């Protein structure tokens, strides 16, 4: 394992992030704060508690997952897309590093950025709602697993995209709607039975449910199923990345 190569890619990506702190950190945090103000304060005071949890606190895990998933995909996709767009990716491909080391550097940096943003949002949420995390260790582990899984998805997207429109397609038109419809702002138990069944086919619901369980000990599905879902996503995404490097799909063209 070429740790020097992994560290070099990781440090380069993190340095690029810290050169644009407003875009990398302030923008997603401010957007989430607006959700807290509107849904947590303005609307939350008029909502009944859900499973004995105030509405303002109930939406915190969903908002963090919304940000972490979208930021993970965006960070990883932009990170690998620009070397491909500029042609410098050939330097990576010709360097004495393996695809695994290349993926580890880019995905590790993207996941780190998302985790930092998620933790900042968590700290900010204490300013708006009374919040107690029942299983903090599991919360951090689940946050890391989610960030890594969706950074792998972003890496795939960055290699697949041929232009900026395709690069923004999945985070904007796929990830965000799935998270909104996955119980970020409500419990699926509040839905009619038919829509509860439909929600079970939404992969984001399993991640939000598992993350919410770490906070309040309540979940729409079993925690074992949520963990299995994250591991399954990571396995599928790793399989796609293996196929891309094996065949050179949109990698050398």
C-alpha atoms as a PDB file:
ATOM      1  CA  UNK A   1       0.000   0.000   0.000  1.00  0.00           C
ATOM      2  CA  UNK A   2       1.495   3.317  -1.149  1.00  0.00           C
ATOM      3  CA  UNK A   3       0.559   5.502   1.826  1.00  0.00           C
ATOM      4  CA  UNK A   4       2.625   8.387   0.453  1.00  0.00           C
ATOM      5  CA  UNK A   5       0.445   8.542  -2.687  1.00  0.00           C
ATOM      6  CA  UNK A   6      -2.770   8.374  -0.669  1.00  0.00           C
ATOM      7  CA  UNK A   7      -1.549  11.121   1.643  1.00  0.00           C
ATOM      8  CA  UNK A   8      -0.490  13.314  -1.296  1.00  0.00           C
ATOM      9  CA  UNK A   9      -3.902  13.102  -2.992  1.00  0.00           C
ATOM     10  CA  UNK A  10      -5.688  13.568   0.330  1.00  0.00           C
ATOM     11  CA  UNK A  11      -3.654  16.648   1.287  1.00  0.00           C
ATOM     12  CA  UNK A  12      -4.087  18.188  -2.164  1.00  0.00           C
ATOM     13  CA  UNK A  13      -7.874  17.790  -2.026  1.00  0.00           C
ATOM     14  CA  UNK A  14      -8.096  19.112   1.520  1.00  0.00           C
ATOM     15  CA  UNK A  15      -5.910  22.101   0.621  1.00  0.00           C
ATOM     16  CA  UNK A  16      -8.262  22.886  -2.249  1.00  0.00           C
ATOM     17  CA  UNK A  17     -11.157  22.805   0.192  1.00  0.00           C
ATOM     18  CA  UNK A  18      -9.567  25.196   2.662  1.00  0.00           C
ATOM     19  CA  UNK A  19      -8.835  27.652  -0.148  1.00  0.00           C
ATOM     20  CA  UNK A  20     -12.610  28.099  -0.559  1.00  0.00           C
ATOM     21  CA  UNK A  21     -13.995  27.892   3.005  1.00  0.00           C
ATOM     22  CA  UNK A  22     -17.153  29.869   2.234  1.00  0.00           C
ATOM     23  CA  UNK A  23     -18.170  27.475  -0.508  1.00  0.00           C
ATOM     24  CA  UNK A  24     -16.947  24.327   1.229  1.00  0.00           C
ATOM     25  CA  UNK A  25     -18.239  24.909   4.744  1.00  0.00           C
ATOM     26  CA  UNK A  26     -20.230  28.123   5.175  1.00  0.00           C
ATOM     27  CA  UNK A  27     -22.647  27.594   2.275  1.00  0.00           C
ATOM     28  CA  UNK A  28     -24.048  24.160   3.304  1.00  0.00           C
ATOM     29  CA  UNK A  29     -24.165  25.186   6.976  1.00  0.00           C
ATOM     30  CA  UNK A  30     -26.062  28.397   6.247  1.00  0.00           C
ATOM     31  CA  UNK A  31     -28.520  26.495   4.040  1.00  0.00           C
ATOM     32  CA  UNK A  32     -29.191  24.019   6.827  1.00  0.00           C
ATOM     33  CA  UNK A  33     -29.574  26.803   9.409  1.00  0.00           C
ATOM     34  CA  UNK A  34     -32.356  28.212   7.238  1.00  0.00           C
ATOM     35  CA  UNK A  35     -34.130  24.841   7.501  1.00  0.00           C
ATOM     36  CA  UNK A  36     -33.798  25.025  11.279  1.00  0.00           C
ATOM     37  CA  UNK A  37     -35.232  28.542  11.332  1.00  0.00           C
ATOM     38  CA  UNK A  38     -38.181  27.709   9.080  1.00  0.00           C
ATOM     39  CA  UNK A  39     -39.030  24.132  10.070  1.00  0.00           C
ATOM     40  CA  UNK A  40     -37.570  23.966  13.558  1.00  0.00           C
ATOM     41  CA  UNK A  41     -38.610  27.329  14.966  1.00  0.00           C
ATOM     42  CA  UNK A  42     -41.406  28.774  12.841  1.00  0.00           C
ATOM     43  CA  UNK A  43     -43.257  25.541  12.026  1.00  0.00           C
ATOM     44  CA  UNK A  44     -41.867  23.243  14.722  1.00  0.00           C
ATOM     45  CA  UNK A  45     -43.556  25.131  17.549  1.00  0.00           C
ATOM     46  CA  UNK A  46     -46.918  24.328  15.968  1.00  0.00           C
ATOM     47  CA  UNK A  47     -46.188  20.624  15.409  1.00  0.00           C
ATOM     48  CA  UNK A  48     -46.984  17.841  17.837  1.00  0.00           C
ATOM     49  CA  UNK A  49     -44.045  15.779  19.176  1.00  0.00           C
ATOM     50  CA  UNK A  50     -43.207  12.627  17.225  1.00  0.00           C
ATOM     51  CA  UNK A  51     -42.602   9.590  19.476  1.00  0.00           C
ATOM     52  CA  UNK A  52     -42.134  11.987  22.409  1.00  0.00           C
ATOM     53  CA  UNK A  53     -39.461  13.921  20.496  1.00  0.00           C
ATOM     54  CA  UNK A  54     -40.046  17.587  19.680  1.00  0.00           C
ATOM     55  CA  UNK A  55     -40.421  18.264  15.984  1.00  0.00           C
ATOM     56  CA  UNK A  56     -37.437  20.640  15.958  1.00  0.00           C
ATOM     57  CA  UNK A  57     -35.166  17.939  17.381  1.00  0.00           C
ATOM     58  CA  UNK A  58     -36.742  15.195  15.254  1.00  0.00           C
ATOM     59  CA  UNK A  59     -35.622  16.799  11.972  1.00  0.00           C
ATOM     60  CA  UNK A  60     -31.980  17.279  13.046  1.00  0.00           C
ATOM     61  CA  UNK A  61     -30.742  13.808  11.929  1.00  0.00           C
ATOM     62  CA  UNK A  62     -32.577  14.160   8.613  1.00  0.00           C
ATOM     63  CA  UNK A  63     -31.051  17.569   7.924  1.00  0.00           C
ATOM     64  CA  UNK A  64     -27.562  16.289   8.733  1.00  0.00           C
ATOM     65  CA  UNK A  65     -28.063  13.281   6.458  1.00  0.00           C
ATOM     66  CA  UNK A  66     -29.373  15.532   3.692  1.00  0.00           C
ATOM     67  CA  UNK A  67     -26.217  17.642   3.858  1.00  0.00           C
ATOM     68  CA  UNK A  68     -23.760  14.775   4.305  1.00  0.00           C
ATOM     69  CA  UNK A  69     -25.140  12.734   1.411  1.00  0.00           C
ATOM     70  CA  UNK A  70     -25.304  15.617  -1.063  1.00  0.00           C
ATOM     71  CA  UNK A  71     -21.940  17.041   0.015  1.00  0.00           C
ATOM     72  CA  UNK A  72     -20.257  13.622  -0.170  1.00  0.00           C
ATOM     73  CA  UNK A  73     -21.452  13.094  -3.727  1.00  0.00           C
ATOM     74  CA  UNK A  74     -20.600  16.653  -4.783  1.00  0.00           C
ATOM     75  CA  UNK A  75     -17.141  16.699  -3.154  1.00  0.00           C
ATOM     76  CA  UNK A  76     -16.021  13.373  -4.589  1.00  0.00           C
ATOM     77  CA  UNK A  77     -17.484  13.970  -8.055  1.00  0.00           C
ATOM     78  CA  UNK A  78     -15.890  17.408  -8.458  1.00  0.00           C
ATOM     79  CA  UNK A  79     -12.618  16.142  -7.005  1.00  0.00           C
ATOM     80  CA  UNK A  80     -12.113  13.473  -9.682  1.00  0.00           C
ATOM     81  CA  UNK A  81     -13.956  15.255 -12.514  1.00  0.00           C
ATOM     82  CA  UNK A  82     -11.530  18.173 -12.754  1.00  0.00           C
ATOM     83  CA  UNK A  83      -8.414  15.982 -13.260  1.00  0.00           C
ATOM     84  CA  UNK A  84     -10.337  14.169 -15.985  1.00  0.00           C
ATOM     85  CA  UNK A  85     -11.571  17.462 -17.485  1.00  0.00           C
ATOM     86  CA  UNK A  86      -8.067  19.006 -17.456  1.00  0.00           C
ATOM     87  CA  UNK A  87      -6.346  15.813 -18.592  1.00  0.00           C
ATOM     88  CA  UNK A  88      -4.174  15.518 -15.495  1.00  0.00           C
ATOM     89  CA  UNK A  89      -5.846  12.222 -14.595  1.00  0.00           C
ATOM     90  CA  UNK A  90      -3.373  10.553 -16.980  1.00  0.00           C
ATOM     91  CA  UNK A  91      -0.637  11.480 -14.536  1.00  0.00           C
ATOM     92  CA  UNK A  92      -2.480   9.468 -11.881  1.00  0.00           C
ATOM     93  CA  UNK A  93      -3.013   6.548 -14.237  1.00  0.00           C
ATOM     94  CA  UNK A  94       0.646   6.453 -15.265  1.00  0.00           C
ATOM     95  CA  UNK A  95       1.993   6.944 -11.735  1.00  0.00           C
ATOM     96  CA  UNK A  96       3.057   3.924  -9.666  1.00  0.00           C
ATOM     97  CA  UNK A  97      -0.151   3.888  -7.636  1.00  0.00           C
ATOM     98  CA  UNK A  98      -3.007   1.409  -7.710  1.00  0.00           C
ATOM     99  CA  UNK A  99      -6.655   2.280  -8.368  1.00  0.00           C
ATOM    100  CA  UNK A 100      -7.390   1.434  -4.709  1.00  0.00           C
ATOM    101  CA  UNK A 101      -4.858   4.034  -3.525  1.00  0.00           C
ATOM    102  CA  UNK A 102      -6.241   6.625  -5.920  1.00  0.00           C
ATOM    103  CA  UNK A 103      -9.799   5.978  -4.732  1.00  0.00           C
ATOM    104  CA  UNK A 104      -8.718   6.038  -1.078  1.00  0.00           C
ATOM    105  CA  UNK A 105      -7.159   9.493  -1.483  1.00  0.00           C
ATOM    106  CA  UNK A 106     -10.083  11.130  -3.258  1.00  0.00           C
ATOM    107  CA  UNK A 107     -12.865   9.378  -1.339  1.00  0.00           C
ATOM    108  CA  UNK A 108     -11.110   9.905   1.988  1.00  0.00           C
ATOM    109  CA  UNK A 109     -10.836  13.645   1.386  1.00  0.00           C
ATOM    110  CA  UNK A 110     -14.437  13.952   0.178  1.00  0.00           C
ATOM    111  CA  UNK A 111     -15.751  11.994   3.162  1.00  0.00           C
ATOM    112  CA  UNK A 112     -13.674  14.076   5.580  1.00  0.00           C
ATOM    113  CA  UNK A 113     -15.144  17.318   4.222  1.00  0.00           C
ATOM    114  CA  UNK A 114     -18.688  15.979   4.534  1.00  0.00           C
ATOM    115  CA  UNK A 115     -18.137  14.691   8.058  1.00  0.00           C
ATOM    116  CA  UNK A 116     -16.742  18.061   9.157  1.00  0.00           C
ATOM    117  CA  UNK A 117     -19.763  19.858   7.678  1.00  0.00           C
ATOM    118  CA  UNK A 118     -22.122  17.366   9.332  1.00  0.00           C
ATOM    119  CA  UNK A 119     -20.496  17.860  12.736  1.00  0.00           C
ATOM    120  CA  UNK A 120     -20.630  21.653  12.353  1.00  0.00           C
ATOM    121  CA  UNK A 121     -24.349  21.420  11.603  1.00  0.00           C
ATOM    122  CA  UNK A 122     -24.792  19.179  14.640  1.00  0.00           C
ATOM    123  CA  UNK A 123     -23.105  21.751  16.873  1.00  0.00           C
ATOM    124  CA  UNK A 124     -25.182  24.575  15.364  1.00  0.00           C
ATOM    125  CA  UNK A 125     -28.388  22.586  15.982  1.00  0.00           C
ATOM    126  CA  UNK A 126     -27.830  22.847  19.742  1.00  0.00           C
ATOM    127  CA  UNK A 127     -28.408  26.590  19.370  1.00  0.00           C
ATOM    128  CA  UNK A 128     -31.933  25.977  18.058  1.00  0.00           C
ATOM    129  CA  UNK A 129     -33.255  22.873  19.806  1.00  0.00           C
ATOM    130  CA  UNK A 130     -32.739  20.868  22.971  1.00  0.00           C
ATOM    131  CA  UNK A 131     -30.932  17.777  21.773  1.00  0.00           C
ATOM    132  CA  UNK A 132     -29.540  14.670  23.455  1.00  0.00           C
ATOM    133  CA  UNK A 133     -27.671  11.969  21.553  1.00  0.00           C
ATOM    134  CA  UNK A 134     -28.421   8.566  23.049  1.00  0.00           C
ATOM    135  CA  UNK A 135     -25.717   6.613  21.184  1.00  0.00           C
ATOM    136  CA  UNK A 136     -22.957   9.112  20.268  1.00  0.00           C
ATOM    137  CA  UNK A 137     -20.355   6.500  19.272  1.00  0.00           C
ATOM    138  CA  UNK A 138     -22.735   4.771  16.909  1.00  0.00           C
ATOM    139  CA  UNK A 139     -23.813   8.168  15.567  1.00  0.00           C
ATOM    140  CA  UNK A 140     -20.227   8.980  14.560  1.00  0.00           C
ATOM    141  CA  UNK A 141     -19.658   5.512  13.075  1.00  0.00           C
ATOM    142  CA  UNK A 142     -22.865   5.694  11.049  1.00  0.00           C
ATOM    143  CA  UNK A 143     -22.007   9.218   9.889  1.00  0.00           C
ATOM    144  CA  UNK A 144     -18.579   8.052   8.665  1.00  0.00           C
ATOM    145  CA  UNK A 145     -20.057   5.008   6.919  1.00  0.00           C
ATOM    146  CA  UNK A 146     -22.632   7.144   5.123  1.00  0.00           C
ATOM    147  CA  UNK A 147     -20.068   9.757   4.080  1.00  0.00           C
ATOM    148  CA  UNK A 148     -17.698   7.122   2.687  1.00  0.00           C
ATOM    149  CA  UNK A 149     -20.485   5.274   0.851  1.00  0.00           C
ATOM    150  CA  UNK A 150     -21.792   8.367  -0.899  1.00  0.00           C
ATOM    151  CA  UNK A 151     -18.294   9.633  -1.609  1.00  0.00           C
ATOM    152  CA  UNK A 152     -17.795   6.389  -3.526  1.00  0.00           C
ATOM    153  CA  UNK A 153     -20.982   7.192  -5.453  1.00  0.00           C
ATOM    154  CA  UNK A 154     -19.642  10.689  -6.144  1.00  0.00           C
ATOM    155  CA  UNK A 155     -16.364   9.228  -7.417  1.00  0.00           C
ATOM    156  CA  UNK A 156     -18.321   7.099  -9.886  1.00  0.00           C
ATOM    157  CA  UNK A 157     -20.362  10.110 -10.964  1.00  0.00           C
ATOM    158  CA  UNK A 158     -17.230  12.211 -11.514  1.00  0.00           C
ATOM    159  CA  UNK A 159     -15.765   9.554 -13.815  1.00  0.00           C
ATOM    160  CA  UNK A 160     -19.070   9.055 -15.637  1.00  0.00           C
ATOM    161  CA  UNK A 161     -19.948  12.712 -16.238  1.00  0.00           C
ATOM    162  CA  UNK A 162     -18.954  14.301 -19.534  1.00  0.00           C
ATOM    163  CA  UNK A 163     -19.994  17.841 -18.569  1.00  0.00           C
ATOM    164  CA  UNK A 164     -21.070  19.944 -15.605  1.00  0.00           C
ATOM    165  CA  UNK A 165     -24.754  19.314 -16.298  1.00  0.00           C
ATOM    166  CA  UNK A 166     -24.302  15.585 -15.850  1.00  0.00           C
ATOM    167  CA  UNK A 167     -22.128  16.248 -12.798  1.00  0.00           C
ATOM    168  CA  UNK A 168     -24.960  18.087 -11.034  1.00  0.00           C
ATOM    169  CA  UNK A 169     -27.732  15.766 -12.201  1.00  0.00           C
ATOM    170  CA  UNK A 170     -27.530  13.074  -9.502  1.00  0.00           C
ATOM    171  CA  UNK A 171     -27.070  15.324  -6.408  1.00  0.00           C
ATOM    172  CA  UNK A 172     -29.806  17.743  -7.503  1.00  0.00           C
ATOM    173  CA  UNK A 173     -32.414  15.523  -9.124  1.00  0.00           C
ATOM    174  CA  UNK A 174     -31.831  12.175  -7.414  1.00  0.00           C
ATOM    175  CA  UNK A 175     -30.161  12.428  -3.989  1.00  0.00           C
ATOM    176  CA  UNK A 176     -31.989  15.506  -2.683  1.00  0.00           C
ATOM    177  CA  UNK A 177     -35.535  14.306  -3.598  1.00  0.00           C
ATOM    178  CA  UNK A 178     -34.819  10.846  -2.144  1.00  0.00           C
ATOM    179  CA  UNK A 179     -33.678  12.350   1.149  1.00  0.00           C
ATOM    180  CA  UNK A 180     -36.661  14.707   1.332  1.00  0.00           C
ATOM    181  CA  UNK A 181     -39.014  11.783   0.683  1.00  0.00           C
ATOM    182  CA  UNK A 182     -37.094   9.467   3.007  1.00  0.00           C
ATOM    183  CA  UNK A 183     -38.453  10.846   6.265  1.00  0.00           C
ATOM    184  CA  UNK A 184     -36.174  13.830   6.832  1.00  0.00           C
ATOM    185  CA  UNK A 185     -39.054  16.001   8.032  1.00  0.00           C
ATOM    186  CA  UNK A 186     -41.562  13.358   9.084  1.00  0.00           C
ATOM    187  CA  UNK A 187     -41.937   9.788  10.256  1.00  0.00           C
ATOM    188  CA  UNK A 188     -43.124   7.380   7.589  1.00  0.00           C
ATOM    189  CA  UNK A 189     -45.557   6.026  10.205  1.00  0.00           C
ATOM    190  CA  UNK A 190     -47.515   9.255   9.603  1.00  0.00           C
ATOM    191  CA  UNK A 191     -48.122   8.236   5.967  1.00  0.00           C
ATOM    192  CA  UNK A 192     -51.000   6.117   4.618  1.00  0.00           C
ATOM    193  CA  UNK A 193     -50.130   2.423   4.492  1.00  0.00           C
ATOM    194  CA  UNK A 194     -49.661   2.455   0.707  1.00  0.00           C
ATOM    195  CA  UNK A 195     -47.121   5.273   0.895  1.00  0.00           C
ATOM    196  CA  UNK A 196     -45.357   3.564   3.789  1.00  0.00           C
ATOM    197  CA  UNK A 197     -44.789   0.603   1.479  1.00  0.00           C
ATOM    198  CA  UNK A 198     -43.478   2.909  -1.246  1.00  0.00           C
ATOM    199  CA  UNK A 199     -41.097   4.528   1.252  1.00  0.00           C
ATOM    200  CA  UNK A 200     -39.519   1.146   1.951  1.00  0.00           C
ATOM    201  CA  UNK A 201     -38.085   1.250  -1.589  1.00  0.00           C
ATOM    202  CA  UNK A 202     -36.370   4.564  -0.879  1.00  0.00           C
ATOM    203  CA  UNK A 203     -32.715   3.825   0.030  1.00  0.00           C
ATOM    204  CA  UNK A 204     -32.311   7.184   1.800  1.00  0.00           C
ATOM    205  CA  UNK A 205     -34.999   6.206   4.316  1.00  0.00           C
ATOM    206  CA  UNK A 206     -32.813   3.428   5.751  1.00  0.00           C
ATOM    207  CA  UNK A 207     -29.915   5.824   6.300  1.00  0.00           C
ATOM    208  CA  UNK A 208     -32.045   8.532   7.905  1.00  0.00           C
ATOM    209  CA  UNK A 209     -33.786   5.957  10.089  1.00  0.00           C
ATOM    210  CA  UNK A 210     -30.494   4.497  11.318  1.00  0.00           C
ATOM    211  CA  UNK A 211     -29.007   7.905  12.018  1.00  0.00           C
ATOM    212  CA  UNK A 212     -32.142   9.019  13.882  1.00  0.00           C
ATOM    213  CA  UNK A 213     -31.980   5.874  16.006  1.00  0.00           C
ATOM    214  CA  UNK A 214     -28.529   6.958  17.218  1.00  0.00           C
ATOM    215  CA  UNK A 215     -30.084  10.191  18.485  1.00  0.00           C
ATOM    216  CA  UNK A 216     -33.403   9.104  19.982  1.00  0.00           C
ATOM    217  CA  UNK A 217     -33.529   5.304  19.965  1.00  0.00           C
ATOM    218  CA  UNK A 218     -36.473   5.362  17.526  1.00  0.00           C
ATOM    219  CA  UNK A 219     -36.423   4.154  13.921  1.00  0.00           C
ATOM    220  CA  UNK A 220     -38.745   3.283  11.069  1.00  0.00           C
ATOM    221  CA  UNK A 221     -36.816   0.069  10.351  1.00  0.00           C
ATOM    222  CA  UNK A 222     -34.476  -2.061  12.451  1.00  0.00           C
ATOM    223  CA  UNK A 223     -31.008  -0.684  13.037  1.00  0.00           C
ATOM    224  CA  UNK A 224     -29.527  -3.918  11.679  1.00  0.00           C
ATOM    225  CA  UNK A 225     -31.291  -3.262   8.371  1.00  0.00           C
ATOM    226  CA  UNK A 226     -29.989   0.303   8.254  1.00  0.00           C
ATOM    227  CA  UNK A 227     -26.392  -0.813   8.822  1.00  0.00           C
ATOM    228  CA  UNK A 228     -26.805  -3.549   6.219  1.00  0.00           C
ATOM    229  CA  UNK A 229     -28.101  -0.975   3.741  1.00  0.00           C
ATOM    230  CA  UNK A 230     -25.032   1.260   4.187  1.00  0.00           C
ATOM    231  CA  UNK A 231     -22.683  -1.687   3.761  1.00  0.00           C
ATOM    232  CA  UNK A 232     -24.612  -2.867   0.698  1.00  0.00           C
ATOM    233  CA  UNK A 233     -24.386   0.587  -0.916  1.00  0.00           C
ATOM    234  CA  UNK A 234     -20.631   0.722  -0.293  1.00  0.00           C
ATOM    235  CA  UNK A 235     -20.168  -2.775  -1.741  1.00  0.00           C
ATOM    236  CA  UNK A 236     -22.162  -1.957  -4.884  1.00  0.00           C
ATOM    237  CA  UNK A 237     -20.310   1.319  -5.435  1.00  0.00           C
ATOM    238  CA  UNK A 238     -16.937  -0.379  -4.949  1.00  0.00           C
ATOM    239  CA  UNK A 239     -18.000  -2.968  -7.511  1.00  0.00           C
ATOM    240  CA  UNK A 240     -18.779  -0.237 -10.042  1.00  0.00           C
ATOM    241  CA  UNK A 241     -15.429   1.447  -9.402  1.00  0.00           C
ATOM    242  CA  UNK A 242     -13.630  -1.870  -9.886  1.00  0.00           C
ATOM    243  CA  UNK A 243     -15.446  -2.312 -13.213  1.00  0.00           C
ATOM    244  CA  UNK A 244     -14.517   1.223 -14.345  1.00  0.00           C
ATOM    245  CA  UNK A 245     -10.811   0.735 -13.666  1.00  0.00           C
ATOM    246  CA  UNK A 246     -10.837  -2.779 -15.118  1.00  0.00           C
ATOM    247  CA  UNK A 247     -12.468  -1.752 -18.396  1.00  0.00           C
ATOM    248  CA  UNK A 248     -11.328   1.887 -18.594  1.00  0.00           C
ATOM    249  CA  UNK A 249     -14.944   3.001 -19.056  1.00  0.00           C
ATOM    250  CA  UNK A 250     -14.909   6.804 -19.581  1.00  0.00           C
ATOM    251  CA  UNK A 251     -11.502   6.825 -17.967  1.00  0.00           C
ATOM    252  CA  UNK A 252      -9.131   6.872 -20.893  1.00  0.00           C
ATOM    253  CA  UNK A 253     -11.338   8.614 -23.442  1.00  0.00           C
END
